């Protein structure tokens, strides 16, 4: 199981966001799309937990995390967060 961000947003929705959506696994997820492009995905852990997330970006940078990040062939990223830790995925430029 994993978190998938913007799995079914219509293409014509160019600017869309959501804030602090609680997911299974005790995470709070926020994300923004601007002009049709994902500009940020933010995840906060509410307990110590492994995060599996499909970030809707081919190449991205991660801030707020210094450990091991594993991305599998299906595009699912795995990392372990501590309670209260926030990571932010942004397009890699």
C-alpha atoms as a PDB file:
ATOM      1  CA  UNK A   1       0.000   0.000   0.000  1.00  0.00           C
ATOM      2  CA  UNK A   2       1.126   3.550  -0.706  1.00  0.00           C
ATOM      3  CA  UNK A   3      -0.134   7.114  -0.821  1.00  0.00           C
ATOM      4  CA  UNK A   4      -0.824   8.436  -4.310  1.00  0.00           C
ATOM      5  CA  UNK A   5      -1.025  12.196  -4.782  1.00  0.00           C
ATOM      6  CA  UNK A   6      -3.476  13.591  -7.396  1.00  0.00           C
ATOM      7  CA  UNK A   7      -4.429  10.135  -8.758  1.00  0.00           C
ATOM      8  CA  UNK A   8      -7.580  11.268 -10.591  1.00  0.00           C
ATOM      9  CA  UNK A   9      -7.485  15.028 -11.092  1.00  0.00           C
ATOM     10  CA  UNK A  10      -8.940  16.057 -14.477  1.00  0.00           C
ATOM     11  CA  UNK A  11      -6.354  17.526 -16.873  1.00  0.00           C
ATOM     12  CA  UNK A  12      -8.360  20.757 -17.191  1.00  0.00           C
ATOM     13  CA  UNK A  13      -7.879  21.474 -13.458  1.00  0.00           C
ATOM     14  CA  UNK A  14      -4.682  23.495 -13.797  1.00  0.00           C
ATOM     15  CA  UNK A  15      -4.617  25.024 -10.296  1.00  0.00           C
ATOM     16  CA  UNK A  16      -5.620  22.762  -7.429  1.00  0.00           C
ATOM     17  CA  UNK A  17      -4.443  22.097  -3.891  1.00  0.00           C
ATOM     18  CA  UNK A  18      -5.356  20.355  -0.676  1.00  0.00           C
ATOM     19  CA  UNK A  19      -4.053  20.800   2.858  1.00  0.00           C
ATOM     20  CA  UNK A  20      -3.478  18.390   5.755  1.00  0.00           C
ATOM     21  CA  UNK A  21      -5.379  15.471   4.277  1.00  0.00           C
ATOM     22  CA  UNK A  22      -5.078  12.647   6.823  1.00  0.00           C
ATOM     23  CA  UNK A  23      -4.052   9.377   5.206  1.00  0.00           C
ATOM     24  CA  UNK A  24      -3.917   5.792   6.292  1.00  0.00           C
ATOM     25  CA  UNK A  25      -0.656   5.304   8.136  1.00  0.00           C
ATOM     26  CA  UNK A  26      -0.970   8.504  10.200  1.00  0.00           C
ATOM     27  CA  UNK A  27       0.362  11.087   7.746  1.00  0.00           C
ATOM     28  CA  UNK A  28      -0.879  14.578   6.928  1.00  0.00           C
ATOM     29  CA  UNK A  29      -0.442  15.339   3.232  1.00  0.00           C
ATOM     30  CA  UNK A  30      -0.691  18.681   1.435  1.00  0.00           C
ATOM     31  CA  UNK A  31      -0.073  19.275  -2.263  1.00  0.00           C
ATOM     32  CA  UNK A  32      -0.282  22.054  -4.857  1.00  0.00           C
ATOM     33  CA  UNK A  33      -0.604  22.089  -8.616  1.00  0.00           C
ATOM     34  CA  UNK A  34      -0.084  25.385 -10.438  1.00  0.00           C
ATOM     35  CA  UNK A  35      -0.590  25.864 -14.168  1.00  0.00           C
ATOM     36  CA  UNK A  36      -0.980  22.102 -14.552  1.00  0.00           C
ATOM     37  CA  UNK A  37       2.301  21.234 -12.838  1.00  0.00           C
ATOM     38  CA  UNK A  38       2.833  19.807  -9.356  1.00  0.00           C
ATOM     39  CA  UNK A  39       4.888  22.375  -7.436  1.00  0.00           C
ATOM     40  CA  UNK A  40       4.912  20.829  -3.950  1.00  0.00           C
ATOM     41  CA  UNK A  41       3.959  17.733  -1.983  1.00  0.00           C
ATOM     42  CA  UNK A  42       4.348  18.021   1.795  1.00  0.00           C
ATOM     43  CA  UNK A  43       4.043  15.075   4.192  1.00  0.00           C
ATOM     44  CA  UNK A  44       4.073  15.252   7.991  1.00  0.00           C
ATOM     45  CA  UNK A  45       4.254  12.109  10.137  1.00  0.00           C
ATOM     46  CA  UNK A  46       2.020  12.048  13.205  1.00  0.00           C
ATOM     47  CA  UNK A  47       3.806   8.914  14.517  1.00  0.00           C
ATOM     48  CA  UNK A  48       7.120   7.190  13.744  1.00  0.00           C
ATOM     49  CA  UNK A  49       6.261   5.422  10.493  1.00  0.00           C
ATOM     50  CA  UNK A  50       7.535   4.210   7.125  1.00  0.00           C
ATOM     51  CA  UNK A  51       6.197   6.306   4.260  1.00  0.00           C
ATOM     52  CA  UNK A  52       5.427   4.830   0.840  1.00  0.00           C
ATOM     53  CA  UNK A  53       4.304   7.521  -1.583  1.00  0.00           C
ATOM     54  CA  UNK A  54       3.881   7.890  -5.326  1.00  0.00           C
ATOM     55  CA  UNK A  55       4.933  11.471  -5.968  1.00  0.00           C
ATOM     56  CA  UNK A  56       3.534  12.830  -9.266  1.00  0.00           C
ATOM     57  CA  UNK A  57       6.945  14.118 -10.360  1.00  0.00           C
ATOM     58  CA  UNK A  58       9.525  12.306 -12.493  1.00  0.00           C
ATOM     59  CA  UNK A  59      12.445  14.118 -10.906  1.00  0.00           C
ATOM     60  CA  UNK A  60      12.186  15.755  -7.517  1.00  0.00           C
ATOM     61  CA  UNK A  61      14.158  17.153  -4.632  1.00  0.00           C
ATOM     62  CA  UNK A  62      13.382  16.268  -1.028  1.00  0.00           C
ATOM     63  CA  UNK A  63      13.871  18.685   1.845  1.00  0.00           C
ATOM     64  CA  UNK A  64      13.493  17.873   5.527  1.00  0.00           C
ATOM     65  CA  UNK A  65      15.024  14.390   5.243  1.00  0.00           C
ATOM     66  CA  UNK A  66      18.616  13.191   5.404  1.00  0.00           C
ATOM     67  CA  UNK A  67      18.199   9.406   5.538  1.00  0.00           C
ATOM     68  CA  UNK A  68      17.937   6.740   2.876  1.00  0.00           C
ATOM     69  CA  UNK A  69      15.357   7.293   0.137  1.00  0.00           C
ATOM     70  CA  UNK A  70      14.420   4.357  -2.079  1.00  0.00           C
ATOM     71  CA  UNK A  71      12.381   4.776  -5.275  1.00  0.00           C
ATOM     72  CA  UNK A  72      11.239   1.541  -6.914  1.00  0.00           C
ATOM     73  CA  UNK A  73      10.460   0.742 -10.562  1.00  0.00           C
ATOM     74  CA  UNK A  74       6.778   1.657 -10.053  1.00  0.00           C
ATOM     75  CA  UNK A  75       7.715   5.188  -8.971  1.00  0.00           C
ATOM     76  CA  UNK A  76       6.925   4.591  -5.302  1.00  0.00           C
ATOM     77  CA  UNK A  77       9.284   6.313  -2.883  1.00  0.00           C
ATOM     78  CA  UNK A  78       9.963   4.775   0.521  1.00  0.00           C
ATOM     79  CA  UNK A  79      11.488   6.477   3.544  1.00  0.00           C
ATOM     80  CA  UNK A  80      11.056   6.357   7.313  1.00  0.00           C
ATOM     81  CA  UNK A  81       9.857   9.441   9.199  1.00  0.00           C
ATOM     82  CA  UNK A  82       9.835  10.322  12.881  1.00  0.00           C
ATOM     83  CA  UNK A  83       6.788  11.747  14.649  1.00  0.00           C
ATOM     84  CA  UNK A  84       6.430  15.434  13.737  1.00  0.00           C
ATOM     85  CA  UNK A  85       8.903  15.243  10.845  1.00  0.00           C
ATOM     86  CA  UNK A  86       7.893  16.970   7.608  1.00  0.00           C
ATOM     87  CA  UNK A  87       9.317  16.245   4.188  1.00  0.00           C
ATOM     88  CA  UNK A  88       8.685  18.333   1.098  1.00  0.00           C
ATOM     89  CA  UNK A  89       8.949  17.049  -2.468  1.00  0.00           C
ATOM     90  CA  UNK A  90       9.470  19.723  -5.156  1.00  0.00           C
ATOM     91  CA  UNK A  91      10.351  19.521  -8.861  1.00  0.00           C
ATOM     92  CA  UNK A  92      14.077  19.034  -9.392  1.00  0.00           C
ATOM     93  CA  UNK A  93      15.419  21.880 -11.494  1.00  0.00           C
END
